[in-house]
Every structure is written in structure tokens, then in C-alpha cells.
Amino acid sequence: MATSPPSYADITLDDQMFADDLKQTMEAMRLDSFKSLVNRHEISKMMAVKLRKLEAYDIVIICDDSTSMNTKTAHPINPRAAPTTRWEELKVTVQMVTEIAATLDDDGIDVHFLNRDPIRNVFDVRQLDDAFESPPSGHTPITRVLKQVLSEKRSRAVSESNKKLLILIATDGVPTTDMGFDDRLGLWLVLMQERDDAGDTPVVFLLCTDDEKEVGYLNEWDKEIPGVDTVDDYYTERREILAVQGDDFCFSKGDWVCKMLLGAVDDDIDALDERRVGVMEAAAFYPQMTVPRMPTLLSPTETMKKKKKKWGLF
């Protein structure tokens, strides 16, 4: 006896159940990937929790590939270690940013350069290999590239995902025009006038040098321009944070990358090098620390009873 085919409603319901199961599976895989990443990079619990804020942002990195990024730098801790170039150090940093951000930004991150083609929708660090293969060369046209990013990402963020825009700019010097002339005024005007809402479009500058003559202007803008943050190299940032939080404070390289991403959107993280964290927050950074138990508050009657028992009145 022939059976009747399933109704349209049954088919639709089955499709919806399959879609829901697939969504749950993908979310579980993303969560497992995130947990693995947190453990691998020794990211503190507090940073890991706050990273969820980045799900509200499209993330873009602008990498300085100007000639000065060929400069070699000695290891700040181990003088016997072979010196590396700023470009090589930047590649490692961008790889870490990609790993962390790609688990939170569902369409991957975009990586732009000043003198070579951008890479869009990056999920895997291997997508960066070709772009970093050739040595850096050219001027530092940050203003032009930032304007381009703001123009194309602003329209996409509004029309497609309605996400905010977080821009990370890694540089070791003064911005220039394509002809090599100083363009600090042009960059300042873009930061002040061409972001629709500075709070919805934070810009973070990663300083690839400690030469104050080259990047001192960015430290001034950090205080003067809303929605602008600066981050030093890992060892400098760690030294400044431990000077405030104490030598037992845990601040891994993974935490440094998290601070880079969160500093412009979370006041507590931004202030790690300015004021000590509270007891509850500190417990998330100190692995061995336990939060002290709060004393039980007694009513006046119970307090009086305890005093009477202490003095043997009853």
C-alpha cells in the first residue's frame, strides 16, 4: 500500500530542525576553538570573558609596511637572542590577533597594508604568509589607507551586519603622503572629522618602536582624541602594568593582544597601567588568588547576644 508523501509543513519543520542542529554544532565548535585558543596563549579569565565584547565589531588591521619596518631590534630580555626586524615581529603579532579575533568576528578580519594589496576575510594565519613574504618598502601613507577603510567598511557595517568598526593600526613612525611628506595633520583631521561616531569606530595604534621622536605624537593623541588608544610593545606594556599591579600580576603575550583589542572599548582594561584592579577582577588575573570571603553581617540583636555570651552574662 502506497504511503502519502510528507506534508509541506513536515518538510519545513525538518529543515528548520536541521538548521538549528547545524547552528548549535557550529557554535559548539567555535566555543571549543575559543577555549583552546585561551589555553594556548595563556589568556586570563577576565580577558577571556571581556573578549566577547568584540563580537559587536568588525575588526580591521592596518599594517605599516614602509621601509623603516626593516629596522632590526635587539631582544629586550635576552641580549644573546638574534635580533629580529620590526616587520618580523609585526607578523607574529598579526597572527595572534588573527587567531583571537577570527573566533569572534564571524566574517573574519581584514588586513590592510600601506604599500601592498589588502587581504580580506582572514580566518587562518596561513592566509597572511604571502603578504608578509616580501620585505617592507615605501612611505607611510596611513591617512590614505585609513580613509579607504572607513569608506568601504562603514557602508558594509551598516548595510550588512550593523556592527561597529574596530581599527588597529601598527606603525613605527610619522604618517606621510604617498610622496613622503609629513602628514600628521591629515591623519589628525581624519580621526577627528571622518569617523561618524568615535565611540563606534575606535582606533588603536600599536607602536612598533619606542623612539619617542617617531611616535610621541600618538601618545599625545591618546589623551586628546576621543576613541583613540595606543599600545606599546609587549615588554614595555608588561613593565608598565606590573609597576601598577605588582610583580605577581599575570600578563601574558596573549593578554597583551587582548588589551590591544579591548583597550579602546573597555575602560577597565585600558586602565591596567594606571590603577590597580579590584579584588574580584584581580582574582581573574592571579591564578593562585582566592577571593576573600565577605563577613556575615549580623543584626543588632544577634550582635548583642554574641557579646553577652562572650562575657558570660547568660
C-alpha atoms as a PDB file:
ATOM      1  CA  MET A   1       0.000   0.000   0.000  1.00  0.00           C
ATOM      2  CA  ALA A   2       1.441   3.334  -1.031  1.00  0.00           C
ATOM      3  CA  THR A   3       2.082   5.860   1.674  1.00  0.00           C
ATOM      4  CA  SER A   4       1.295   9.503   1.227  1.00  0.00           C
ATOM      5  CA  PRO A   5       4.261  11.853   0.900  1.00  0.00           C
ATOM      6  CA  PRO A   6       5.156  14.022   3.895  1.00  0.00           C
ATOM      7  CA  SER A   7       3.325  17.278   4.092  1.00  0.00           C
ATOM      8  CA  TYR A   8       4.998  20.569   3.241  1.00  0.00           C
ATOM      9  CA  ALA A   9       4.747  21.557   6.898  1.00  0.00           C
ATOM     10  CA  ASP A  10       6.655  18.410   7.950  1.00  0.00           C
ATOM     11  CA  ILE A  11       9.412  19.076   5.416  1.00  0.00           C
ATOM     12  CA  THR A  12       9.724  22.695   6.544  1.00  0.00           C
ATOM     13  CA  LEU A  13       9.885  21.595  10.186  1.00  0.00           C
ATOM     14  CA  ASP A  14      12.602  19.029   9.396  1.00  0.00           C
ATOM     15  CA  ASP A  15      14.623  21.665   7.529  1.00  0.00           C
ATOM     16  CA  GLN A  16      14.329  24.049  10.473  1.00  0.00           C
ATOM     17  CA  MET A  17      15.424  21.347  12.932  1.00  0.00           C
ATOM     18  CA  PHE A  18      18.430  20.556  10.710  1.00  0.00           C
ATOM     19  CA  ALA A  19      19.334  24.249  10.522  1.00  0.00           C
ATOM     20  CA  ASP A  20      19.055  24.586  14.312  1.00  0.00           C
ATOM     21  CA  ASP A  21      21.218  21.493  14.862  1.00  0.00           C
ATOM     22  CA  LEU A  22      23.810  22.798  12.413  1.00  0.00           C
ATOM     23  CA  LYS A  23      23.856  26.184  14.135  1.00  0.00           C
ATOM     24  CA  GLN A  24      24.327  24.553  17.549  1.00  0.00           C
ATOM     25  CA  THR A  25      27.123  22.359  16.182  1.00  0.00           C
ATOM     26  CA  MET A  26      28.917  25.345  14.648  1.00  0.00           C
ATOM     27  CA  GLU A  27      28.565  27.311  17.881  1.00  0.00           C
ATOM     28  CA  ALA A  28      29.940  24.373  19.894  1.00  0.00           C
ATOM     29  CA  MET A  29      32.917  24.107  17.525  1.00  0.00           C
ATOM     30  CA  ARG A  30      33.546  27.847  17.807  1.00  0.00           C
ATOM     31  CA  LEU A  31      33.414  27.642  21.605  1.00  0.00           C
ATOM     32  CA  ASP A  32      35.862  24.713  21.650  1.00  0.00           C
ATOM     33  CA  SER A  33      38.185  26.654  19.353  1.00  0.00           C
ATOM     34  CA  PHE A  34      37.970  29.683  21.631  1.00  0.00           C
ATOM     35  CA  LYS A  35      38.742  27.609  24.751  1.00  0.00           C
ATOM     36  CA  SER A  36      41.740  26.049  23.026  1.00  0.00           C
ATOM     37  CA  LEU A  37      42.990  29.480  21.995  1.00  0.00           C
ATOM     38  CA  VAL A  38      42.626  30.868  25.541  1.00  0.00           C
ATOM     39  CA  ASN A  39      44.662  27.986  26.958  1.00  0.00           C
ATOM     40  CA  ARG A  40      47.304  28.101  24.227  1.00  0.00           C
ATOM     41  CA  HIS A  41      48.004  31.813  24.656  1.00  0.00           C
ATOM     42  CA  GLU A  42      47.586  31.785  28.464  1.00  0.00           C
ATOM     43  CA  ILE A  43      44.835  34.386  28.352  1.00  0.00           C
ATOM     44  CA  SER A  44      43.458  35.339  31.772  1.00  0.00           C
ATOM     45  CA  LYS A  45      39.850  34.610  32.695  1.00  0.00           C
ATOM     46  CA  MET A  46      38.991  38.307  32.883  1.00  0.00           C
ATOM     47  CA  MET A  47      40.351  38.959  29.386  1.00  0.00           C
ATOM     48  CA  ALA A  48      38.607  35.874  28.004  1.00  0.00           C
ATOM     49  CA  VAL A  49      35.239  36.991  29.364  1.00  0.00           C
ATOM     50  CA  LYS A  50      35.632  40.535  28.091  1.00  0.00           C
ATOM     51  CA  LEU A  51      36.666  39.350  24.623  1.00  0.00           C
ATOM     52  CA  ARG A  52      33.007  38.612  23.920  1.00  0.00           C
ATOM     53  CA  LYS A  53      32.587  42.380  23.533  1.00  0.00           C
ATOM     54  CA  LEU A  54      34.434  42.099  20.231  1.00  0.00           C
ATOM     55  CA  GLU A  55      31.540  40.153  18.711  1.00  0.00           C
ATOM     56  CA  ALA A  56      29.874  43.543  18.221  1.00  0.00           C
ATOM     57  CA  TYR A  57      32.733  44.767  15.990  1.00  0.00           C
ATOM     58  CA  ASP A  58      34.135  44.253  12.529  1.00  0.00           C
ATOM     59  CA  ILE A  59      37.905  44.193  13.023  1.00  0.00           C
ATOM     60  CA  VAL A  60      40.410  45.702  10.590  1.00  0.00           C
ATOM     61  CA  ILE A  61      44.198  45.776  10.898  1.00  0.00           C
ATOM     62  CA  ILE A  62      46.336  48.308   9.021  1.00  0.00           C
ATOM     63  CA  CYS A  63      49.985  47.205   8.842  1.00  0.00           C
ATOM     64  CA  ASP A  64      52.843  49.621   8.267  1.00  0.00           C
ATOM     65  CA  ASP A  65      54.991  48.059   5.533  1.00  0.00           C
ATOM     66  CA  SER A  66      57.192  51.117   4.997  1.00  0.00           C
ATOM     67  CA  THR A  67      60.968  50.808   4.590  1.00  0.00           C
ATOM     68  CA  SER A  68      61.688  51.622   8.245  1.00  0.00           C
ATOM     69  CA  MET A  69      59.963  48.379   9.303  1.00  0.00           C
ATOM     70  CA  ASN A  70      63.159  46.604   8.131  1.00  0.00           C
ATOM     71  CA  THR A  71      64.905  48.015  11.213  1.00  0.00           C
ATOM     72  CA  LYS A  72      66.334  45.288  13.435  1.00  0.00           C
ATOM     73  CA  THR A  73      65.681  45.353  17.162  1.00  0.00           C
ATOM     74  CA  ALA A  74      67.522  43.511  19.929  1.00  0.00           C
ATOM     75  CA  HIS A  75      65.553  41.257  22.259  1.00  0.00           C
ATOM     76  CA  PRO A  76      64.676  43.340  25.353  1.00  0.00           C
ATOM     77  CA  ILE A  77      65.157  40.414  27.763  1.00  0.00           C
ATOM     78  CA  ASN A  78      67.728  38.109  26.167  1.00  0.00           C
ATOM     79  CA  PRO A  79      70.685  40.027  24.671  1.00  0.00           C
ATOM     80  CA  ARG A  80      72.047  36.792  23.162  1.00  0.00           C
ATOM     81  CA  ALA A  81      68.941  36.232  21.069  1.00  0.00           C
ATOM     82  CA  ALA A  82      69.259  37.012  17.378  1.00  0.00           C
ATOM     83  CA  PRO A  83      67.789  40.431  16.547  1.00  0.00           C
ATOM     84  CA  THR A  84      64.568  40.497  14.565  1.00  0.00           C
ATOM     85  CA  THR A  85      63.103  43.155  12.309  1.00  0.00           C
ATOM     86  CA  ARG A  86      60.025  45.158  13.222  1.00  0.00           C
ATOM     87  CA  TRP A  87      58.350  43.527  10.217  1.00  0.00           C
ATOM     88  CA  GLU A  88      59.004  40.022  11.559  1.00  0.00           C
ATOM     89  CA  GLU A  89      57.693  40.989  14.984  1.00  0.00           C
ATOM     90  CA  LEU A  90      54.595  42.532  13.401  1.00  0.00           C
ATOM     91  CA  LYS A  91      53.848  39.317  11.510  1.00  0.00           C
ATOM     92  CA  VAL A  92      53.828  37.317  14.759  1.00  0.00           C
ATOM     93  CA  THR A  93      51.573  39.905  16.402  1.00  0.00           C
ATOM     94  CA  VAL A  94      49.131  39.975  13.481  1.00  0.00           C
ATOM     95  CA  GLN A  95      48.994  36.173  13.554  1.00  0.00           C
ATOM     96  CA  MET A  96      47.971  36.271  17.229  1.00  0.00           C
ATOM     97  CA  VAL A  97      45.406  39.000  16.592  1.00  0.00           C
ATOM     98  CA  THR A  98      44.002  36.954  13.712  1.00  0.00           C
ATOM     99  CA  GLU A  99      43.684  33.820  15.836  1.00  0.00           C
ATOM    100  CA  ILE A 100      41.849  35.648  18.611  1.00  0.00           C
ATOM    101  CA  ALA A 101      39.704  37.959  16.514  1.00  0.00           C
ATOM    102  CA  ALA A 102      38.699  35.338  13.946  1.00  0.00           C
ATOM    103  CA  THR A 103      36.899  33.306  16.620  1.00  0.00           C
ATOM    104  CA  LEU A 104      34.794  36.367  17.464  1.00  0.00           C
ATOM    105  CA  ASP A 105      34.280  38.100  14.106  1.00  0.00           C
ATOM    106  CA  ASP A 106      32.042  35.772  12.090  1.00  0.00           C
ATOM    107  CA  ASP A 107      33.257  37.023   8.696  1.00  0.00           C
ATOM    108  CA  GLY A 108      36.941  37.087   9.611  1.00  0.00           C
ATOM    109  CA  ILE A 109      39.138  40.155   9.782  1.00  0.00           C
ATOM    110  CA  ASP A 110      40.513  42.381   7.030  1.00  0.00           C
ATOM    111  CA  VAL A 111      44.257  43.081   6.939  1.00  0.00           C
ATOM    112  CA  HIS A 112      45.345  46.186   5.016  1.00  0.00           C
ATOM    113  CA  PHE A 113      48.836  47.405   4.190  1.00  0.00           C
ATOM    114  CA  LEU A 114      50.212  50.801   3.234  1.00  0.00           C
ATOM    115  CA  ASN A 115      52.083  49.681   0.110  1.00  0.00           C
ATOM    116  CA  ARG A 116      50.566  46.333  -0.951  1.00  0.00           C
ATOM    117  CA  ASP A 117      47.160  44.783  -1.548  1.00  0.00           C
ATOM    118  CA  PRO A 118      44.830  44.019   1.383  1.00  0.00           C
ATOM    119  CA  ILE A 119      43.706  40.547   2.487  1.00  0.00           C
ATOM    120  CA  ARG A 120      40.017  40.264   3.290  1.00  0.00           C
ATOM    121  CA  ASN A 121      38.029  37.854   5.440  1.00  0.00           C
ATOM    122  CA  VAL A 122      41.060  36.298   7.121  1.00  0.00           C
ATOM    123  CA  PHE A 123      40.266  33.278   9.320  1.00  0.00           C
ATOM    124  CA  ASP A 124      43.555  31.387   9.136  1.00  0.00           C
ATOM    125  CA  VAL A 125      47.053  32.735   9.830  1.00  0.00           C
ATOM    126  CA  ARG A 126      48.314  30.903   6.722  1.00  0.00           C
ATOM    127  CA  GLN A 127      46.397  33.436   4.634  1.00  0.00           C
ATOM    128  CA  LEU A 128      48.961  36.024   5.785  1.00  0.00           C
ATOM    129  CA  ASP A 129      52.096  34.224   4.568  1.00  0.00           C
ATOM    130  CA  ASP A 130      52.243  35.611   1.021  1.00  0.00           C
ATOM    131  CA  ALA A 131      51.647  39.206   2.128  1.00  0.00           C
ATOM    132  CA  PHE A 132      54.496  39.096   4.660  1.00  0.00           C
ATOM    133  CA  GLU A 133      56.919  37.230   2.381  1.00  0.00           C
ATOM    134  CA  SER A 134      58.379  40.266   0.608  1.00  0.00           C
ATOM    135  CA  PRO A 135      60.247  42.832   2.751  1.00  0.00           C
ATOM    136  CA  PRO A 136      58.630  46.184   3.560  1.00  0.00           C
ATOM    137  CA  SER A 137      59.322  49.085   1.243  1.00  0.00           C
ATOM    138  CA  GLY A 138      57.887  52.545   0.643  1.00  0.00           C
ATOM    139  CA  HIS A 139      56.468  55.500   2.536  1.00  0.00           C
ATOM    140  CA  THR A 140      53.879  55.639   5.357  1.00  0.00           C
ATOM    141  CA  PRO A 141      50.531  56.756   3.831  1.00  0.00           C
ATOM    142  CA  ILE A 142      48.393  55.874   6.867  1.00  0.00           C
ATOM    143  CA  THR A 143      45.919  58.676   6.165  1.00  0.00           C
ATOM    144  CA  ARG A 144      45.043  57.436   2.678  1.00  0.00           C
ATOM    145  CA  VAL A 145      44.587  53.820   3.774  1.00  0.00           C
ATOM    146  CA  LEU A 146      42.569  54.771   6.860  1.00  0.00           C
ATOM    147  CA  LYS A 147      40.219  56.886   4.728  1.00  0.00           C
ATOM    148  CA  GLN A 148      39.779  53.955   2.360  1.00  0.00           C
ATOM    149  CA  VAL A 149      38.993  51.572   5.251  1.00  0.00           C
ATOM    150  CA  LEU A 150      36.497  53.980   6.795  1.00  0.00           C
ATOM    151  CA  SER A 151      34.776  54.492   3.462  1.00  0.00           C
ATOM    152  CA  GLU A 152      34.324  50.850   2.470  1.00  0.00           C
ATOM    153  CA  LYS A 153      33.809  49.302   5.897  1.00  0.00           C
ATOM    154  CA  ARG A 154      31.391  51.952   7.103  1.00  0.00           C
ATOM    155  CA  SER A 155      28.940  51.176   4.310  1.00  0.00           C
ATOM    156  CA  ARG A 156      29.350  47.409   4.744  1.00  0.00           C
ATOM    157  CA  ALA A 157      28.954  47.564   8.537  1.00  0.00           C
ATOM    158  CA  VAL A 158      25.714  49.492   8.231  1.00  0.00           C
ATOM    159  CA  SER A 159      24.176  47.690   5.271  1.00  0.00           C
ATOM    160  CA  GLU A 160      25.150  44.092   6.095  1.00  0.00           C
ATOM    161  CA  SER A 161      25.863  43.434   9.758  1.00  0.00           C
ATOM    162  CA  ASN A 162      25.157  46.677  11.606  1.00  0.00           C
ATOM    163  CA  LYS A 163      28.374  46.094  13.532  1.00  0.00           C
ATOM    164  CA  LYS A 164      30.673  48.745  14.914  1.00  0.00           C
ATOM    165  CA  LEU A 165      34.176  49.070  13.473  1.00  0.00           C
ATOM    166  CA  LEU A 166      37.420  48.480  15.408  1.00  0.00           C
ATOM    167  CA  ILE A 167      40.607  49.549  13.606  1.00  0.00           C
ATOM    168  CA  LEU A 168      44.094  48.521  14.709  1.00  0.00           C
ATOM    169  CA  ILE A 169      46.985  50.444  13.121  1.00  0.00           C
ATOM    170  CA  ALA A 170      50.509  49.072  13.639  1.00  0.00           C
ATOM    171  CA  THR A 171      53.194  51.635  12.806  1.00  0.00           C
ATOM    172  CA  ASP A 172      56.707  52.725  13.723  1.00  0.00           C
ATOM    173  CA  GLY A 173      56.685  56.342  12.668  1.00  0.00           C
ATOM    174  CA  VAL A 174      55.177  59.540  11.379  1.00  0.00           C
ATOM    175  CA  PRO A 175      52.460  59.288   8.697  1.00  0.00           C
ATOM    176  CA  THR A 176      53.399  60.608   5.276  1.00  0.00           C
ATOM    177  CA  THR A 177      51.766  61.314   1.951  1.00  0.00           C
ATOM    178  CA  ASP A 178      52.458  58.993  -0.981  1.00  0.00           C
ATOM    179  CA  MET A 179      55.265  61.417  -1.882  1.00  0.00           C
ATOM    180  CA  GLY A 180      56.878  61.084   1.555  1.00  0.00           C
ATOM    181  CA  PHE A 181      55.854  64.409   3.125  1.00  0.00           C
ATOM    182  CA  ASP A 182      54.808  64.644   6.792  1.00  0.00           C
ATOM    183  CA  ASP A 183      51.045  64.072   7.016  1.00  0.00           C
ATOM    184  CA  ARG A 184      50.295  64.208  10.742  1.00  0.00           C
ATOM    185  CA  LEU A 185      47.758  66.978  10.170  1.00  0.00           C
ATOM    186  CA  GLY A 186      45.929  64.908   7.554  1.00  0.00           C
ATOM    187  CA  LEU A 187      45.722  61.900   9.878  1.00  0.00           C
ATOM    188  CA  TRP A 188      44.554  64.075  12.768  1.00  0.00           C
ATOM    189  CA  LEU A 189      41.763  65.515  10.615  1.00  0.00           C
ATOM    190  CA  VAL A 190      40.580  62.040   9.579  1.00  0.00           C
ATOM    191  CA  LEU A 191      40.489  60.864  13.201  1.00  0.00           C
ATOM    192  CA  MET A 192      38.631  63.982  14.310  1.00  0.00           C
ATOM    193  CA  GLN A 193      36.221  64.503  11.408  1.00  0.00           C
ATOM    194  CA  GLU A 194      35.719  61.352   9.320  1.00  0.00           C
ATOM    195  CA  ARG A 195      34.549  58.860  11.932  1.00  0.00           C
ATOM    196  CA  ASP A 196      30.770  59.182  12.222  1.00  0.00           C
ATOM    197  CA  ASP A 197      30.916  58.256  15.904  1.00  0.00           C
ATOM    198  CA  ALA A 198      34.299  57.872  17.607  1.00  0.00           C
ATOM    199  CA  GLY A 199      32.738  55.528  20.160  1.00  0.00           C
ATOM    200  CA  ASP A 200      31.505  53.220  17.398  1.00  0.00           C
ATOM    201  CA  THR A 201      34.779  53.415  15.450  1.00  0.00           C
ATOM    202  CA  PRO A 202      37.661  53.150  17.934  1.00  0.00           C
ATOM    203  CA  VAL A 203      41.195  53.298  16.533  1.00  0.00           C
ATOM    204  CA  VAL A 204      44.097  51.591  18.308  1.00  0.00           C
ATOM    205  CA  PHE A 205      47.718  52.385  17.436  1.00  0.00           C
ATOM    206  CA  LEU A 206      50.254  49.628  18.105  1.00  0.00           C
ATOM    207  CA  LEU A 207      53.652  51.282  18.486  1.00  0.00           C
ATOM    208  CA  CYS A 208      56.330  49.221  16.732  1.00  0.00           C
ATOM    209  CA  THR A 209      59.150  51.323  18.211  1.00  0.00           C
ATOM    210  CA  ASP A 210      59.964  53.069  21.486  1.00  0.00           C
ATOM    211  CA  ASP A 211      61.532  56.056  19.694  1.00  0.00           C
ATOM    212  CA  GLU A 212      59.652  58.993  21.194  1.00  0.00           C
ATOM    213  CA  LYS A 213      60.605  61.254  18.282  1.00  0.00           C
ATOM    214  CA  GLU A 214      58.771  58.944  15.894  1.00  0.00           C
ATOM    215  CA  VAL A 215      55.636  58.007  17.865  1.00  0.00           C
ATOM    216  CA  GLY A 216      55.399  60.650  20.596  1.00  0.00           C
ATOM    217  CA  TYR A 217      52.580  62.358  18.707  1.00  0.00           C
ATOM    218  CA  LEU A 218      50.420  59.233  19.110  1.00  0.00           C
ATOM    219  CA  ASN A 219      50.795  59.249  22.894  1.00  0.00           C
ATOM    220  CA  GLU A 220      49.564  62.850  22.861  1.00  0.00           C
ATOM    221  CA  TRP A 221      46.586  61.957  20.640  1.00  0.00           C
ATOM    222  CA  ASP A 222      45.707  59.136  23.036  1.00  0.00           C
ATOM    223  CA  LYS A 223      44.861  61.827  25.598  1.00  0.00           C
ATOM    224  CA  GLU A 224      43.375  64.378  23.199  1.00  0.00           C
ATOM    225  CA  ILE A 225      41.293  62.492  20.615  1.00  0.00           C
ATOM    226  CA  PRO A 226      38.181  60.521  21.668  1.00  0.00           C
ATOM    227  CA  GLY A 227      38.152  56.864  20.683  1.00  0.00           C
ATOM    228  CA  VAL A 228      41.925  56.656  20.155  1.00  0.00           C
ATOM    229  CA  ASP A 229      44.181  54.330  22.152  1.00  0.00           C
ATOM    230  CA  THR A 230      47.895  53.500  21.956  1.00  0.00           C
ATOM    231  CA  VAL A 231      49.594  50.249  22.935  1.00  0.00           C
ATOM    232  CA  ASP A 232      53.336  49.756  23.448  1.00  0.00           C
ATOM    233  CA  ASP A 233      55.287  46.619  22.599  1.00  0.00           C
ATOM    234  CA  TYR A 234      54.678  43.642  24.897  1.00  0.00           C
ATOM    235  CA  TYR A 235      57.675  44.078  27.197  1.00  0.00           C
ATOM    236  CA  THR A 236      57.134  47.818  27.667  1.00  0.00           C
ATOM    237  CA  GLU A 237      53.403  47.349  28.286  1.00  0.00           C
ATOM    238  CA  ARG A 238      54.038  44.498  30.736  1.00  0.00           C
ATOM    239  CA  ARG A 239      56.614  46.541  32.664  1.00  0.00           C
ATOM    240  CA  GLU A 240      54.207  49.476  32.989  1.00  0.00           C
ATOM    241  CA  ILE A 241      51.316  47.251  34.112  1.00  0.00           C
ATOM    242  CA  LEU A 242      53.378  45.339  36.688  1.00  0.00           C
ATOM    243  CA  ALA A 243      54.616  48.652  38.098  1.00  0.00           C
ATOM    244  CA  VAL A 244      50.972  49.416  38.959  1.00  0.00           C
ATOM    245  CA  GLN A 245      49.543  45.945  39.671  1.00  0.00           C
ATOM    246  CA  GLY A 246      52.564  44.321  41.347  1.00  0.00           C
ATOM    247  CA  ASP A 247      55.138  41.745  40.238  1.00  0.00           C
ATOM    248  CA  ASP A 248      52.785  38.787  40.846  1.00  0.00           C
ATOM    249  CA  PHE A 249      50.272  40.077  38.313  1.00  0.00           C
ATOM    250  CA  CYS A 250      49.923  37.715  35.342  1.00  0.00           C
ATOM    251  CA  PHE A 251      50.156  39.426  31.959  1.00  0.00           C
ATOM    252  CA  SER A 252      50.967  37.037  29.124  1.00  0.00           C
ATOM    253  CA  LYS A 253      51.569  37.903  25.500  1.00  0.00           C
ATOM    254  CA  GLY A 254      48.025  36.691  24.862  1.00  0.00           C
ATOM    255  CA  ASP A 255      46.762  39.187  27.452  1.00  0.00           C
ATOM    256  CA  TRP A 256      48.748  41.895  25.664  1.00  0.00           C
ATOM    257  CA  VAL A 257      46.965  41.175  22.383  1.00  0.00           C
ATOM    258  CA  CYS A 258      43.637  41.183  24.241  1.00  0.00           C
ATOM    259  CA  LYS A 259      44.461  44.563  25.792  1.00  0.00           C
ATOM    260  CA  MET A 260      45.326  45.793  22.317  1.00  0.00           C
ATOM    261  CA  LEU A 261      41.870  44.813  21.076  1.00  0.00           C
ATOM    262  CA  LEU A 262      39.892  45.749  24.193  1.00  0.00           C
ATOM    263  CA  GLY A 263      41.641  48.891  25.433  1.00  0.00           C
ATOM    264  CA  ALA A 264      39.582  51.224  23.267  1.00  0.00           C
ATOM    265  CA  VAL A 265      36.248  49.585  24.158  1.00  0.00           C
ATOM    266  CA  ASP A 266      36.703  48.687  27.847  1.00  0.00           C
ATOM    267  CA  ASP A 267      37.778  51.277  30.427  1.00  0.00           C
ATOM    268  CA  ASP A 268      38.933  48.690  32.994  1.00  0.00           C
ATOM    269  CA  ILE A 269      41.318  47.045  30.540  1.00  0.00           C
ATOM    270  CA  ASP A 270      42.546  50.396  29.252  1.00  0.00           C
ATOM    271  CA  ALA A 271      43.437  51.458  32.812  1.00  0.00           C
ATOM    272  CA  LEU A 272      45.524  48.401  33.753  1.00  0.00           C
ATOM    273  CA  ASP A 273      48.670  50.547  33.589  1.00  0.00           C
ATOM    274  CA  GLU A 274      47.045  53.394  35.520  1.00  0.00           C
ATOM    275  CA  ARG A 275      45.193  51.973  38.546  1.00  0.00           C
ATOM    276  CA  ARG A 276      45.082  48.710  40.469  1.00  0.00           C
ATOM    277  CA  VAL A 277      42.264  46.338  39.685  1.00  0.00           C
ATOM    278  CA  GLY A 278      39.712  45.471  42.375  1.00  0.00           C
ATOM    279  CA  VAL A 279      39.700  42.227  44.355  1.00  0.00           C
ATOM    280  CA  MET A 280      37.165  40.450  42.135  1.00  0.00           C
ATOM    281  CA  GLU A 281      38.963  41.461  38.933  1.00  0.00           C
ATOM    282  CA  ALA A 282      42.371  40.579  40.381  1.00  0.00           C
ATOM    283  CA  ALA A 283      41.227  37.014  41.064  1.00  0.00           C
ATOM    284  CA  ALA A 284      40.833  36.562  37.320  1.00  0.00           C
ATOM    285  CA  PHE A 285      44.454  37.602  36.701  1.00  0.00           C
ATOM    286  CA  TYR A 286      46.190  35.886  39.639  1.00  0.00           C
ATOM    287  CA  PRO A 287      45.834  32.097  39.146  1.00  0.00           C
ATOM    288  CA  GLN A 288      46.591  31.286  42.797  1.00  0.00           C
ATOM    289  CA  MET A 289      44.497  34.038  44.300  1.00  0.00           C
ATOM    290  CA  THR A 290      41.200  33.297  46.031  1.00  0.00           C
ATOM    291  CA  VAL A 291      38.600  35.956  46.591  1.00  0.00           C
ATOM    292  CA  PRO A 292      38.318  36.623  50.342  1.00  0.00           C
ATOM    293  CA  ARG A 293      35.017  35.581  51.860  1.00  0.00           C
ATOM    294  CA  MET A 294      32.907  38.512  52.925  1.00  0.00           C
ATOM    295  CA  PRO A 295      32.000  38.513  56.651  1.00  0.00           C
ATOM    296  CA  THR A 296      28.400  37.713  57.548  1.00  0.00           C
ATOM    297  CA  LEU A 297      26.548  40.789  58.694  1.00  0.00           C
ATOM    298  CA  LEU A 298      24.643  40.277  61.974  1.00  0.00           C
ATOM    299  CA  SER A 299      21.578  42.119  63.125  1.00  0.00           C
ATOM    300  CA  PRO A 300      21.939  44.373  66.219  1.00  0.00           C
ATOM    301  CA  THR A 301      20.056  41.743  68.338  1.00  0.00           C
ATOM    302  CA  GLU A 302      22.376  38.917  67.198  1.00  0.00           C
ATOM    303  CA  THR A 303      25.413  41.099  67.844  1.00  0.00           C
ATOM    304  CA  MET A 304      24.213  41.800  71.412  1.00  0.00           C
ATOM    305  CA  LYS A 305      23.645  38.061  72.064  1.00  0.00           C
ATOM    306  CA  LYS A 306      27.213  37.271  70.962  1.00  0.00           C
ATOM    307  CA  LYS A 307      28.592  39.957  73.272  1.00  0.00           C
ATOM    308  CA  LYS A 308      26.561  38.609  76.209  1.00  0.00           C
ATOM    309  CA  LYS A 309      27.816  35.060  75.586  1.00  0.00           C
ATOM    310  CA  LYS A 310      31.392  36.331  75.342  1.00  0.00           C
ATOM    311  CA  TRP A 311      31.199  37.990  78.749  1.00  0.00           C
ATOM    312  CA  GLY A 312      29.277  35.142  80.372  1.00  0.00           C
ATOM    313  CA  LEU A 313      26.149  37.105  81.169  1.00  0.00           C
ATOM    314  CA  PHE A 314      23.960  34.061  80.353  1.00  0.00           C
END
